[in-house]
Amino acid sequence: VTHNQENVVDLQWLESGDLPSEDLDSLSRNLAFHLKRLVDERDTQLETIVELTQERDCVQLSPLAPCATHSPGDSPSMRRTESRQHLSVELADAKAKIRRLRQELEEKSE
């Protein structure tokens, strides 16, 4: 099923109730290793998703303007803050547009 046997977690220990302590230690270390690797992969993939989403949003908002690129040293929290600020500006613009349209509608209906 897999090319790398390190990616396989043996669940036979669930069926047998008794495990020697050295097997239990080995199993615990193996599970901790797998868990840490999965958490690291998740974090890396999350950063990639955030970057790609920001690039997509930038291109959709202004396809002709160059999008700002982030240096590898930028932290994910810094990017999230920038993204929130960007979304706040977009929200303010949208609210201003709604106010203008409502005002135009009121003027036309008078």
N, C-alpha and C. Protein backbone atom coordinates (compact mmCIF):
# COMPACT_ATOMS: atom_id res chain seq x y z
N VAL A 1 0.82 -1.19 0.00
CA VAL A 1 0.00 0.00 0.00
C VAL A 1 0.87 1.25 0.00
N THR A 2 1.99 1.21 0.67
CA THR A 2 2.85 2.38 0.75
C THR A 2 4.29 1.99 0.41
N HIS A 3 5.03 2.95 -0.12
CA HIS A 3 6.43 2.69 -0.47
C HIS A 3 7.34 2.78 0.74
N ASN A 4 6.97 3.58 1.69
CA ASN A 4 7.81 3.81 2.85
C ASN A 4 7.13 3.21 4.08
N GLN A 5 7.73 2.18 4.64
CA GLN A 5 7.13 1.50 5.78
C GLN A 5 7.08 2.38 7.03
N GLU A 6 7.86 3.46 7.07
CA GLU A 6 7.80 4.37 8.21
C GLU A 6 6.47 5.11 8.27
N ASN A 7 5.75 5.13 7.16
CA ASN A 7 4.46 5.81 7.12
C ASN A 7 3.31 4.92 7.60
N VAL A 8 3.63 3.70 8.00
CA VAL A 8 2.61 2.75 8.44
C VAL A 8 2.61 2.67 9.96
N VAL A 9 1.44 2.79 10.54
CA VAL A 9 1.29 2.65 11.99
C VAL A 9 0.67 1.28 12.24
N ASP A 10 1.36 0.45 12.99
CA ASP A 10 0.89 -0.90 13.30
C ASP A 10 -0.15 -0.83 14.42
N LEU A 11 -1.36 -1.28 14.11
CA LEU A 11 -2.44 -1.22 15.10
C LEU A 11 -2.73 -2.58 15.73
N GLN A 12 -1.85 -3.55 15.51
CA GLN A 12 -2.06 -4.88 16.10
C GLN A 12 -2.02 -4.84 17.62
N TRP A 13 -1.34 -3.86 18.16
CA TRP A 13 -1.24 -3.76 19.62
C TRP A 13 -2.60 -3.51 20.26
N LEU A 14 -3.56 -3.00 19.46
CA LEU A 14 -4.90 -2.78 20.01
C LEU A 14 -5.60 -4.11 20.33
N GLU A 15 -5.30 -5.13 19.50
CA GLU A 15 -5.95 -6.43 19.68
C GLU A 15 -5.41 -7.18 20.89
N SER A 16 -4.10 -7.08 21.10
CA SER A 16 -3.51 -7.75 22.26
C SER A 16 -3.48 -6.77 23.42
N GLY A 17 -3.95 -7.19 24.54
CA GLY A 17 -4.04 -6.29 25.69
C GLY A 17 -2.72 -6.02 26.37
N ASP A 18 -1.81 -6.98 26.34
CA ASP A 18 -0.54 -6.84 27.06
C ASP A 18 0.59 -6.56 26.09
N LEU A 19 1.33 -5.52 26.40
CA LEU A 19 2.52 -5.18 25.62
C LEU A 19 3.69 -5.03 26.59
N PRO A 20 4.84 -5.60 26.23
CA PRO A 20 6.02 -5.36 27.06
C PRO A 20 6.36 -3.88 27.07
N SER A 21 6.96 -3.42 28.14
CA SER A 21 7.23 -1.98 28.28
C SER A 21 8.15 -1.46 27.19
N GLU A 22 9.13 -2.28 26.73
CA GLU A 22 10.01 -1.80 25.66
C GLU A 22 9.25 -1.64 24.34
N ASP A 23 8.26 -2.52 24.09
CA ASP A 23 7.43 -2.36 22.89
C ASP A 23 6.53 -1.14 23.02
N LEU A 24 6.02 -0.92 24.22
CA LEU A 24 5.16 0.24 24.46
C LEU A 24 5.94 1.53 24.30
N ASP A 25 7.19 1.56 24.78
CA ASP A 25 8.04 2.74 24.60
C ASP A 25 8.30 3.00 23.13
N SER A 26 8.63 1.94 22.40
CA SER A 26 8.90 2.07 20.97
C SER A 26 7.66 2.57 20.23
N LEU A 27 6.53 2.00 20.57
CA LEU A 27 5.27 2.40 19.94
C LEU A 27 4.94 3.85 20.26
N SER A 28 5.15 4.25 21.50
CA SER A 28 4.88 5.64 21.90
C SER A 28 5.77 6.61 21.14
N ARG A 29 7.06 6.28 21.02
CA ARG A 29 7.98 7.15 20.26
C ARG A 29 7.57 7.23 18.79
N ASN A 30 7.18 6.08 18.24
CA ASN A 30 6.77 6.04 16.84
C ASN A 30 5.52 6.90 16.61
N LEU A 31 4.54 6.77 17.49
CA LEU A 31 3.32 7.57 17.37
C LEU A 31 3.60 9.06 17.55
N ALA A 32 4.48 9.40 18.49
CA ALA A 32 4.84 10.81 18.69
C ALA A 32 5.54 11.36 17.46
N PHE A 33 6.42 10.56 16.86
CA PHE A 33 7.11 10.98 15.64
C PHE A 33 6.11 11.24 14.52
N HIS A 34 5.17 10.31 14.31
CA HIS A 34 4.16 10.48 13.27
C HIS A 34 3.30 11.71 13.53
N LEU A 35 2.91 11.90 14.77
CA LEU A 35 2.07 13.05 15.12
C LEU A 35 2.80 14.36 14.86
N LYS A 36 4.07 14.45 15.25
CA LYS A 36 4.84 15.66 15.02
C LYS A 36 4.99 15.94 13.53
N ARG A 37 5.27 14.89 12.75
CA ARG A 37 5.42 15.06 11.31
C ARG A 37 4.11 15.54 10.68
N LEU A 38 2.99 14.98 11.12
CA LEU A 38 1.70 15.40 10.59
C LEU A 38 1.38 16.85 10.94
N VAL A 39 1.70 17.25 12.16
CA VAL A 39 1.47 18.64 12.57
C VAL A 39 2.34 19.59 11.74
N ASP A 40 3.61 19.21 11.53
CA ASP A 40 4.49 20.04 10.70
C ASP A 40 3.98 20.15 9.27
N GLU A 41 3.53 19.02 8.71
CA GLU A 41 2.98 19.03 7.35
C GLU A 41 1.73 19.91 7.29
N ARG A 42 0.88 19.79 8.31
CA ARG A 42 -0.34 20.61 8.34
C ARG A 42 0.00 22.10 8.36
N ASP A 43 0.96 22.49 9.19
CA ASP A 43 1.35 23.89 9.28
C ASP A 43 1.92 24.40 7.96
N THR A 44 2.76 23.59 7.33
CA THR A 44 3.34 23.97 6.04
C THR A 44 2.25 24.13 4.99
N GLN A 45 1.31 23.19 4.95
CA GLN A 45 0.23 23.26 3.97
C GLN A 45 -0.68 24.46 4.25
N LEU A 46 -0.91 24.77 5.51
CA LEU A 46 -1.73 25.93 5.86
C LEU A 46 -1.09 27.22 5.36
N GLU A 47 0.23 27.34 5.54
CA GLU A 47 0.93 28.52 5.05
C GLU A 47 0.81 28.63 3.53
N THR A 48 0.93 27.49 2.84
CA THR A 48 0.79 27.49 1.39
C THR A 48 -0.61 27.91 0.98
N ILE A 49 -1.62 27.41 1.68
CA ILE A 49 -3.00 27.77 1.38
C ILE A 49 -3.22 29.27 1.57
N VAL A 50 -2.70 29.82 2.66
CA VAL A 50 -2.85 31.26 2.92
C VAL A 50 -2.19 32.07 1.81
N GLU A 51 -0.97 31.69 1.42
CA GLU A 51 -0.27 32.42 0.37
C GLU A 51 -1.02 32.36 -0.95
N LEU A 52 -1.48 31.16 -1.33
CA LEU A 52 -2.19 31.02 -2.59
C LEU A 52 -3.53 31.76 -2.58
N THR A 53 -4.20 31.75 -1.45
CA THR A 53 -5.47 32.47 -1.34
C THR A 53 -5.25 33.97 -1.47
N GLN A 54 -4.20 34.47 -0.85
CA GLN A 54 -3.89 35.90 -0.96
C GLN A 54 -3.53 36.27 -2.39
N GLU A 55 -2.75 35.43 -3.06
CA GLU A 55 -2.39 35.71 -4.45
C GLU A 55 -3.64 35.72 -5.32
N ARG A 56 -4.53 34.73 -5.12
CA ARG A 56 -5.76 34.66 -5.90
C ARG A 56 -6.62 35.90 -5.68
N ASP A 57 -6.77 36.29 -4.41
CA ASP A 57 -7.57 37.47 -4.10
C ASP A 57 -6.97 38.72 -4.72
N CYS A 58 -5.67 38.83 -4.69
CA CYS A 58 -4.99 39.99 -5.25
C CYS A 58 -5.24 40.06 -6.76
N VAL A 59 -5.12 38.93 -7.43
CA VAL A 59 -5.32 38.90 -8.88
C VAL A 59 -6.78 39.20 -9.22
N GLN A 60 -7.71 38.70 -8.43
CA GLN A 60 -9.13 38.94 -8.70
C GLN A 60 -9.49 40.41 -8.49
N LEU A 61 -8.87 41.05 -7.49
CA LEU A 61 -9.20 42.44 -7.19
C LEU A 61 -8.60 43.40 -8.21
N SER A 62 -7.36 43.17 -8.58
CA SER A 62 -6.70 44.05 -9.55
C SER A 62 -5.80 43.22 -10.45
N PRO A 63 -6.36 42.66 -11.53
CA PRO A 63 -5.60 41.76 -12.38
C PRO A 63 -4.41 42.41 -13.07
N LEU A 64 -4.43 43.72 -13.27
CA LEU A 64 -3.33 44.37 -13.98
C LEU A 64 -2.23 44.85 -13.05
N ALA A 65 -2.55 45.05 -11.79
CA ALA A 65 -1.55 45.55 -10.83
C ALA A 65 -0.74 44.38 -10.29
N PRO A 66 0.56 44.58 -10.09
CA PRO A 66 1.37 43.50 -9.54
C PRO A 66 1.02 43.25 -8.08
N CYS A 67 0.98 42.01 -7.70
CA CYS A 67 0.67 41.65 -6.32
C CYS A 67 1.94 41.69 -5.49
N ALA A 68 1.80 42.10 -4.25
CA ALA A 68 2.95 42.13 -3.35
C ALA A 68 3.35 40.71 -3.00
N THR A 69 4.63 40.43 -3.09
CA THR A 69 5.12 39.10 -2.71
C THR A 69 5.74 39.19 -1.34
N HIS A 70 5.63 38.10 -0.62
CA HIS A 70 6.15 38.05 0.74
C HIS A 70 7.50 37.36 0.73
N SER A 71 8.40 37.85 1.55
CA SER A 71 9.69 37.19 1.67
C SER A 71 9.53 35.95 2.53
N PRO A 72 10.43 34.97 2.37
CA PRO A 72 10.31 33.74 3.15
C PRO A 72 10.37 33.97 4.65
N GLY A 73 10.93 35.12 5.09
CA GLY A 73 11.04 35.39 6.52
C GLY A 73 9.75 35.89 7.15
N ASP A 74 8.76 36.24 6.33
CA ASP A 74 7.49 36.72 6.88
C ASP A 74 6.83 35.61 7.67
N SER A 75 6.35 35.95 8.84
CA SER A 75 5.69 34.94 9.66
C SER A 75 4.24 34.82 9.24
N PRO A 76 3.63 33.64 9.45
CA PRO A 76 2.22 33.47 9.10
C PRO A 76 1.32 34.44 9.84
N SER A 77 1.65 34.77 11.10
CA SER A 77 0.81 35.71 11.85
C SER A 77 0.89 37.10 11.24
N MET A 78 2.06 37.47 10.73
CA MET A 78 2.22 38.77 10.08
C MET A 78 1.39 38.81 8.79
N ARG A 79 1.41 37.70 8.05
CA ARG A 79 0.61 37.64 6.82
C ARG A 79 -0.88 37.70 7.14
N ARG A 80 -1.29 37.02 8.22
CA ARG A 80 -2.70 37.06 8.60
C ARG A 80 -3.11 38.48 8.99
N THR A 81 -2.23 39.21 9.69
CA THR A 81 -2.52 40.59 10.07
C THR A 81 -2.67 41.45 8.82
N GLU A 82 -1.75 41.28 7.87
CA GLU A 82 -1.84 42.03 6.62
C GLU A 82 -3.12 41.68 5.88
N SER A 83 -3.48 40.41 5.88
CA SER A 83 -4.70 39.97 5.21
C SER A 83 -5.92 40.60 5.88
N ARG A 84 -5.94 40.64 7.21
CA ARG A 84 -7.07 41.26 7.93
C ARG A 84 -7.17 42.74 7.61
N GLN A 85 -6.01 43.41 7.56
CA GLN A 85 -6.01 44.83 7.24
C GLN A 85 -6.55 45.04 5.83
N HIS A 86 -6.11 44.18 4.92
CA HIS A 86 -6.57 44.27 3.54
C HIS A 86 -8.08 44.07 3.47
N LEU A 87 -8.58 43.08 4.20
CA LEU A 87 -10.02 42.82 4.21
C LEU A 87 -10.78 43.97 4.86
N SER A 88 -10.20 44.60 5.86
CA SER A 88 -10.85 45.75 6.50
C SER A 88 -10.99 46.90 5.52
N VAL A 89 -9.95 47.13 4.73
CA VAL A 89 -10.01 48.19 3.72
C VAL A 89 -11.08 47.86 2.68
N GLU A 90 -11.12 46.61 2.25
CA GLU A 90 -12.14 46.20 1.28
C GLU A 90 -13.54 46.40 1.85
N LEU A 91 -13.73 46.04 3.12
CA LEU A 91 -15.03 46.20 3.76
C LEU A 91 -15.43 47.67 3.82
N ALA A 92 -14.50 48.53 4.18
CA ALA A 92 -14.80 49.96 4.24
C ALA A 92 -15.17 50.49 2.86
N ASP A 93 -14.46 50.05 1.82
CA ASP A 93 -14.79 50.46 0.45
C ASP A 93 -16.18 49.99 0.06
N ALA A 94 -16.50 48.75 0.41
CA ALA A 94 -17.82 48.21 0.06
C ALA A 94 -18.93 48.97 0.78
N LYS A 95 -18.71 49.31 2.06
CA LYS A 95 -19.72 50.07 2.81
C LYS A 95 -19.90 51.46 2.21
N ALA A 96 -18.81 52.09 1.80
CA ALA A 96 -18.92 53.42 1.18
C ALA A 96 -19.70 53.33 -0.13
N LYS A 97 -19.45 52.28 -0.89
CA LYS A 97 -20.17 52.10 -2.16
C LYS A 97 -21.66 51.89 -1.89
N ILE A 98 -21.99 51.11 -0.88
CA ILE A 98 -23.39 50.88 -0.52
C ILE A 98 -24.06 52.19 -0.12
N ARG A 99 -23.36 53.03 0.67
CA ARG A 99 -23.93 54.33 1.06
C ARG A 99 -24.19 55.20 -0.17
N ARG A 100 -23.23 55.23 -1.10
CA ARG A 100 -23.41 56.04 -2.32
C ARG A 100 -24.60 55.54 -3.13
N LEU A 101 -24.71 54.22 -3.27
CA LEU A 101 -25.81 53.67 -4.05
C LEU A 101 -27.16 53.94 -3.38
N ARG A 102 -27.21 53.85 -2.06
CA ARG A 102 -28.46 54.16 -1.35
C ARG A 102 -28.85 55.62 -1.54
N GLN A 103 -27.83 56.49 -1.46
CA GLN A 103 -28.10 57.91 -1.64
C GLN A 103 -28.61 58.18 -3.06
N GLU A 104 -27.99 57.55 -4.06
CA GLU A 104 -28.45 57.71 -5.44
C GLU A 104 -29.88 57.21 -5.59
N LEU A 105 -30.18 56.08 -4.97
CA LEU A 105 -31.52 55.51 -5.04
C LEU A 105 -32.54 56.45 -4.41
N GLU A 106 -32.20 57.03 -3.26
CA GLU A 106 -33.11 57.97 -2.60
C GLU A 106 -33.33 59.20 -3.47
N GLU A 107 -32.26 59.70 -4.10
CA GLU A 107 -32.39 60.88 -4.96
C GLU A 107 -33.27 60.58 -6.17
N LYS A 108 -33.12 59.39 -6.73
CA LYS A 108 -33.93 59.03 -7.90
C LYS A 108 -35.39 58.83 -7.53
N SER A 109 -35.64 58.31 -6.34
CA SER A 109 -37.02 58.05 -5.95
C SER A 109 -37.74 59.32 -5.51
N GLU A 110 -37.03 60.42 -5.25
CA GLU A 110 -37.67 61.68 -4.84
C GLU A 110 -38.24 62.41 -5.97
